[in-house]
């Protein structure tokens, strides 16, 4: 079953106003003659380096789980990426690092959800 525009619009209407604002900005940037801007939301290289270092140092404790980090600060772990992402957002982390901890997983998962 494919998603149609009515389903998308219904989902958007359920978002909190702050998330709708981010979506609006994304769409405006996409249509801008300059093209899209960098949507890292402040997730800079230093924070990424700290997150990857923490992950390498603590990998064995969280094998088979998703973790969310803010730099080298552990936020949450669980069996669902969406859950750990939501926990990080609830704790005020604007752009959490979310990763599934596998035995050998060198490429970080940096996806996100609007709600």
C-alpha atoms as a PDB file:
ATOM      1  CA  UNK A   1       0.000   0.000   0.000  1.00  0.00           C
ATOM      2  CA  UNK A   2       1.499   3.322  -1.038  1.00  0.00           C
ATOM      3  CA  UNK A   3       1.221   6.492   0.989  1.00  0.00           C
ATOM      4  CA  UNK A   4      -0.918   9.183  -0.593  1.00  0.00           C
ATOM      5  CA  UNK A   5      -0.896  12.926  -0.007  1.00  0.00           C
ATOM      6  CA  UNK A   6      -3.943  12.804   2.278  1.00  0.00           C
ATOM      7  CA  UNK A   7      -2.156  10.350   4.606  1.00  0.00           C
ATOM      8  CA  UNK A   8       0.948  12.534   4.623  1.00  0.00           C
ATOM      9  CA  UNK A   9      -1.064  15.670   5.364  1.00  0.00           C
ATOM     10  CA  UNK A  10      -2.919  13.887   8.156  1.00  0.00           C
ATOM     11  CA  UNK A  11       0.411  12.867   9.709  1.00  0.00           C
ATOM     12  CA  UNK A  12       1.744  16.412   9.403  1.00  0.00           C
ATOM     13  CA  UNK A  13      -1.326  17.839  11.152  1.00  0.00           C
ATOM     14  CA  UNK A  14      -0.594  15.590  14.146  1.00  0.00           C
ATOM     15  CA  UNK A  15       2.926  16.996  14.600  1.00  0.00           C
ATOM     16  CA  UNK A  16       3.653  19.502  17.362  1.00  0.00           C
ATOM     17  CA  UNK A  17       3.991  23.089  16.110  1.00  0.00           C
ATOM     18  CA  UNK A  18       7.774  23.089  16.564  1.00  0.00           C
ATOM     19  CA  UNK A  19       8.113  20.044  14.304  1.00  0.00           C
ATOM     20  CA  UNK A  20       5.759  21.585  11.691  1.00  0.00           C
ATOM     21  CA  UNK A  21       7.970  24.674  11.733  1.00  0.00           C
ATOM     22  CA  UNK A  22      11.049  22.548  10.964  1.00  0.00           C
ATOM     23  CA  UNK A  23       9.189  20.821   8.139  1.00  0.00           C
ATOM     24  CA  UNK A  24       8.032  24.170   6.748  1.00  0.00           C
ATOM     25  CA  UNK A  25      11.620  25.460   6.784  1.00  0.00           C
ATOM     26  CA  UNK A  26      12.856  22.309   5.061  1.00  0.00           C
ATOM     27  CA  UNK A  27      10.275  22.693   2.278  1.00  0.00           C
ATOM     28  CA  UNK A  28      11.057  26.378   1.861  1.00  0.00           C
ATOM     29  CA  UNK A  29      14.788  25.636   1.657  1.00  0.00           C
ATOM     30  CA  UNK A  30      14.190  22.884  -0.900  1.00  0.00           C
ATOM     31  CA  UNK A  31      12.329  25.375  -3.126  1.00  0.00           C
ATOM     32  CA  UNK A  32      14.894  28.133  -2.652  1.00  0.00           C
ATOM     33  CA  UNK A  33      17.028  29.089  -5.671  1.00  0.00           C
ATOM     34  CA  UNK A  34      20.096  28.464  -3.480  1.00  0.00           C
ATOM     35  CA  UNK A  35      19.005  24.880  -2.808  1.00  0.00           C
ATOM     36  CA  UNK A  36      18.707  23.127   0.535  1.00  0.00           C
ATOM     37  CA  UNK A  37      20.776  24.198   3.502  1.00  0.00           C
ATOM     38  CA  UNK A  38      22.763  21.907   5.762  1.00  0.00           C
ATOM     39  CA  UNK A  39      20.216  20.097   7.986  1.00  0.00           C
ATOM     40  CA  UNK A  40      22.594  18.842  10.652  1.00  0.00           C
ATOM     41  CA  UNK A  41      20.720  20.760  13.404  1.00  0.00           C
ATOM     42  CA  UNK A  42      23.966  21.440  15.224  1.00  0.00           C
ATOM     43  CA  UNK A  43      25.322  17.900  15.117  1.00  0.00           C
ATOM     44  CA  UNK A  44      28.919  18.957  14.574  1.00  0.00           C
ATOM     45  CA  UNK A  45      32.038  16.896  13.994  1.00  0.00           C
ATOM     46  CA  UNK A  46      33.192  17.184  17.604  1.00  0.00           C
ATOM     47  CA  UNK A  47      29.919  15.732  18.904  1.00  0.00           C
ATOM     48  CA  UNK A  48      30.031  12.983  16.284  1.00  0.00           C
ATOM     49  CA  UNK A  49      33.612  12.115  17.225  1.00  0.00           C
ATOM     50  CA  UNK A  50      32.662  11.942  20.918  1.00  0.00           C
ATOM     51  CA  UNK A  51      29.629   9.752  20.137  1.00  0.00           C
ATOM     52  CA  UNK A  52      31.666   7.335  18.045  1.00  0.00           C
ATOM     53  CA  UNK A  53      34.359   7.154  20.736  1.00  0.00           C
ATOM     54  CA  UNK A  54      31.729   6.432  23.430  1.00  0.00           C
ATOM     55  CA  UNK A  55      30.161   3.785  21.197  1.00  0.00           C
ATOM     56  CA  UNK A  56      33.487   2.043  20.617  1.00  0.00           C
ATOM     57  CA  UNK A  57      34.316   2.100  24.329  1.00  0.00           C
ATOM     58  CA  UNK A  58      30.895   0.814  25.456  1.00  0.00           C
ATOM     59  CA  UNK A  59      29.818  -1.385  22.541  1.00  0.00           C
ATOM     60  CA  UNK A  60      29.918  -4.672  24.471  1.00  0.00           C
ATOM     61  CA  UNK A  61      27.428  -3.438  27.106  1.00  0.00           C
ATOM     62  CA  UNK A  62      24.744  -2.579  24.515  1.00  0.00           C
ATOM     63  CA  UNK A  63      25.067  -5.278  21.831  1.00  0.00           C
ATOM     64  CA  UNK A  64      21.733  -5.818  20.107  1.00  0.00           C
ATOM     65  CA  UNK A  65      20.193  -2.560  21.348  1.00  0.00           C
ATOM     66  CA  UNK A  66      19.673   0.933  19.957  1.00  0.00           C
ATOM     67  CA  UNK A  67      21.370   3.740  21.886  1.00  0.00           C
ATOM     68  CA  UNK A  68      20.983   7.498  21.750  1.00  0.00           C
ATOM     69  CA  UNK A  69      23.840   9.810  22.642  1.00  0.00           C
ATOM     70  CA  UNK A  70      24.530  13.515  22.855  1.00  0.00           C
ATOM     71  CA  UNK A  71      28.234  13.693  22.194  1.00  0.00           C
ATOM     72  CA  UNK A  72      29.752  11.375  24.807  1.00  0.00           C
ATOM     73  CA  UNK A  73      26.681  11.595  27.074  1.00  0.00           C
ATOM     74  CA  UNK A  74      24.549   8.438  27.118  1.00  0.00           C
ATOM     75  CA  UNK A  75      20.825   9.221  26.871  1.00  0.00           C
ATOM     76  CA  UNK A  76      18.906   5.957  26.449  1.00  0.00           C
ATOM     77  CA  UNK A  77      18.943   2.409  25.102  1.00  0.00           C
ATOM     78  CA  UNK A  78      16.201   0.096  23.900  1.00  0.00           C
ATOM     79  CA  UNK A  79      14.981  -2.267  21.225  1.00  0.00           C
ATOM     80  CA  UNK A  80      13.499   0.470  19.014  1.00  0.00           C
ATOM     81  CA  UNK A  81      15.316   3.350  17.310  1.00  0.00           C
ATOM     82  CA  UNK A  82      12.166   5.453  17.481  1.00  0.00           C
ATOM     83  CA  UNK A  83      11.894   4.924  21.255  1.00  0.00           C
ATOM     84  CA  UNK A  84      15.468   5.922  22.034  1.00  0.00           C
ATOM     85  CA  UNK A  85      15.183   8.885  19.660  1.00  0.00           C
ATOM     86  CA  UNK A  86      11.971   9.992  21.402  1.00  0.00           C
ATOM     87  CA  UNK A  87      13.598   9.651  24.835  1.00  0.00           C
ATOM     88  CA  UNK A  88      16.488  11.842  23.709  1.00  0.00           C
ATOM     89  CA  UNK A  89      14.121  14.466  22.286  1.00  0.00           C
ATOM     90  CA  UNK A  90      12.116  14.392  25.539  1.00  0.00           C
ATOM     91  CA  UNK A  91      15.341  15.116  27.435  1.00  0.00           C
ATOM     92  CA  UNK A  92      15.939  18.174  25.259  1.00  0.00           C
ATOM     93  CA  UNK A  93      18.537  16.809  22.830  1.00  0.00           C
ATOM     94  CA  UNK A  94      17.910  18.631  19.541  1.00  0.00           C
ATOM     95  CA  UNK A  95      19.855  16.240  17.323  1.00  0.00           C
ATOM     96  CA  UNK A  96      20.627  12.940  19.067  1.00  0.00           C
ATOM     97  CA  UNK A  97      23.051  10.375  17.737  1.00  0.00           C
ATOM     98  CA  UNK A  98      21.045   7.147  17.363  1.00  0.00           C
ATOM     99  CA  UNK A  99      22.819   3.888  16.577  1.00  0.00           C
ATOM    100  CA  UNK A 100      22.084   0.163  16.572  1.00  0.00           C
ATOM    101  CA  UNK A 101      24.921  -1.548  18.416  1.00  0.00           C
ATOM    102  CA  UNK A 102      25.999  -4.567  16.415  1.00  0.00           C
ATOM    103  CA  UNK A 103      29.088  -6.678  16.918  1.00  0.00           C
ATOM    104  CA  UNK A 104      30.901  -4.857  14.134  1.00  0.00           C
ATOM    105  CA  UNK A 105      29.063  -1.793  12.845  1.00  0.00           C
ATOM    106  CA  UNK A 106      31.433   0.930  11.629  1.00  0.00           C
ATOM    107  CA  UNK A 107      28.833   3.096   9.841  1.00  0.00           C
ATOM    108  CA  UNK A 108      26.582   5.152  12.155  1.00  0.00           C
ATOM    109  CA  UNK A 109      22.829   5.361  11.627  1.00  0.00           C
ATOM    110  CA  UNK A 110      21.963   9.066  11.586  1.00  0.00           C
ATOM    111  CA  UNK A 111      18.304   9.021  10.601  1.00  0.00           C
ATOM    112  CA  UNK A 112      15.589  10.823  12.432  1.00  0.00           C
ATOM    113  CA  UNK A 113      11.879  11.242  12.834  1.00  0.00           C
ATOM    114  CA  UNK A 114       9.755  14.312  13.064  1.00  0.00           C
ATOM    115  CA  UNK A 115       7.652  12.875  15.858  1.00  0.00           C
END
